[in-house]
Amino acid sequence: MMAPPLPDTRFDAAIMALVIFFVPDPAKGIAEMVRVVAPGGTVAAYAWDIMGGGFP
């Protein structure tokens, strides 16, 4: 789901854990996270640290 039916600035934080590699449009996914987080909130994403710069 790339456009969750959530109101703008609803949450204090949005976190994408271990999925950024699997999101069809990562920039749009992050933009949606920013959209639903209130000003001053936290938006974070993290993934595996794969040696040698590889991807899953």
Protein backbone atom coordinates (compact mmCIF):
# COMPACT_ATOMS: atom_id res chain seq x y z
CA MET A 1 0.00 0.00 0.00
CA MET A 2 1.72 3.15 -1.19
CA ALA A 3 -0.97 5.63 -0.09
CA PRO A 4 -2.42 4.59 3.27
CA PRO A 5 -5.82 6.08 4.06
CA LEU A 6 -4.49 8.11 6.97
CA PRO A 7 -4.90 11.81 7.74
CA ASP A 8 -1.98 14.23 7.40
CA THR A 9 0.17 14.92 10.49
CA ARG A 10 -1.60 12.22 12.54
CA PHE A 11 1.36 10.44 14.16
CA ASP A 12 4.43 11.32 16.22
CA ALA A 13 6.62 8.80 14.39
CA ALA A 14 6.71 6.49 11.36
CA ILE A 15 9.29 3.73 11.04
CA MET A 16 9.98 1.45 8.08
CA ALA A 17 11.79 -1.57 9.49
CA LEU A 18 13.64 -3.90 7.11
CA VAL A 19 11.36 -3.31 4.12
CA ILE A 20 12.81 -0.43 2.08
CA PHE A 21 14.35 -2.91 -0.40
CA PHE A 22 10.90 -4.35 -1.09
CA VAL A 23 8.92 -1.12 -1.53
CA PRO A 24 8.15 -0.56 -5.24
CA ASP A 25 8.81 3.21 -4.98
CA PRO A 26 10.94 3.93 -1.89
CA ALA A 27 10.82 7.72 -2.36
CA LYS A 28 7.02 7.66 -2.44
CA GLY A 29 6.94 5.41 0.63
CA ILE A 30 9.12 7.82 2.60
CA ALA A 31 7.04 10.78 1.34
CA GLU A 32 3.90 9.10 2.71
CA MET A 33 5.61 8.59 6.05
CA VAL A 34 6.53 12.26 6.14
CA ARG A 35 2.96 13.20 5.22
CA VAL A 36 1.38 11.36 8.15
CA VAL A 37 3.92 12.47 10.79
CA ALA A 38 3.30 15.70 12.68
CA PRO A 39 5.83 18.54 12.47
CA GLY A 40 8.75 17.79 14.77
CA GLY A 41 8.01 14.06 14.63
CA THR A 42 10.37 11.26 13.63
CA VAL A 43 10.56 9.47 10.28
CA ALA A 44 13.03 6.59 10.12
CA ALA A 45 13.90 3.66 7.89
CA TYR A 46 16.51 0.97 8.37
CA ALA A 47 17.70 -2.14 6.61
CA TRP A 48 20.30 -4.84 6.93
CA ASP A 49 23.94 -3.84 6.74
CA ILE A 50 25.03 -6.23 4.01
CA MET A 51 28.77 -6.62 3.66
CA GLY A 52 30.18 -5.52 0.33
CA GLY A 53 27.19 -3.30 -0.51
CA GLY A 54 25.00 -6.17 -1.65
CA PHE A 55 21.21 -6.33 -1.61
CA PRO A 56 18.95 -9.14 -0.47
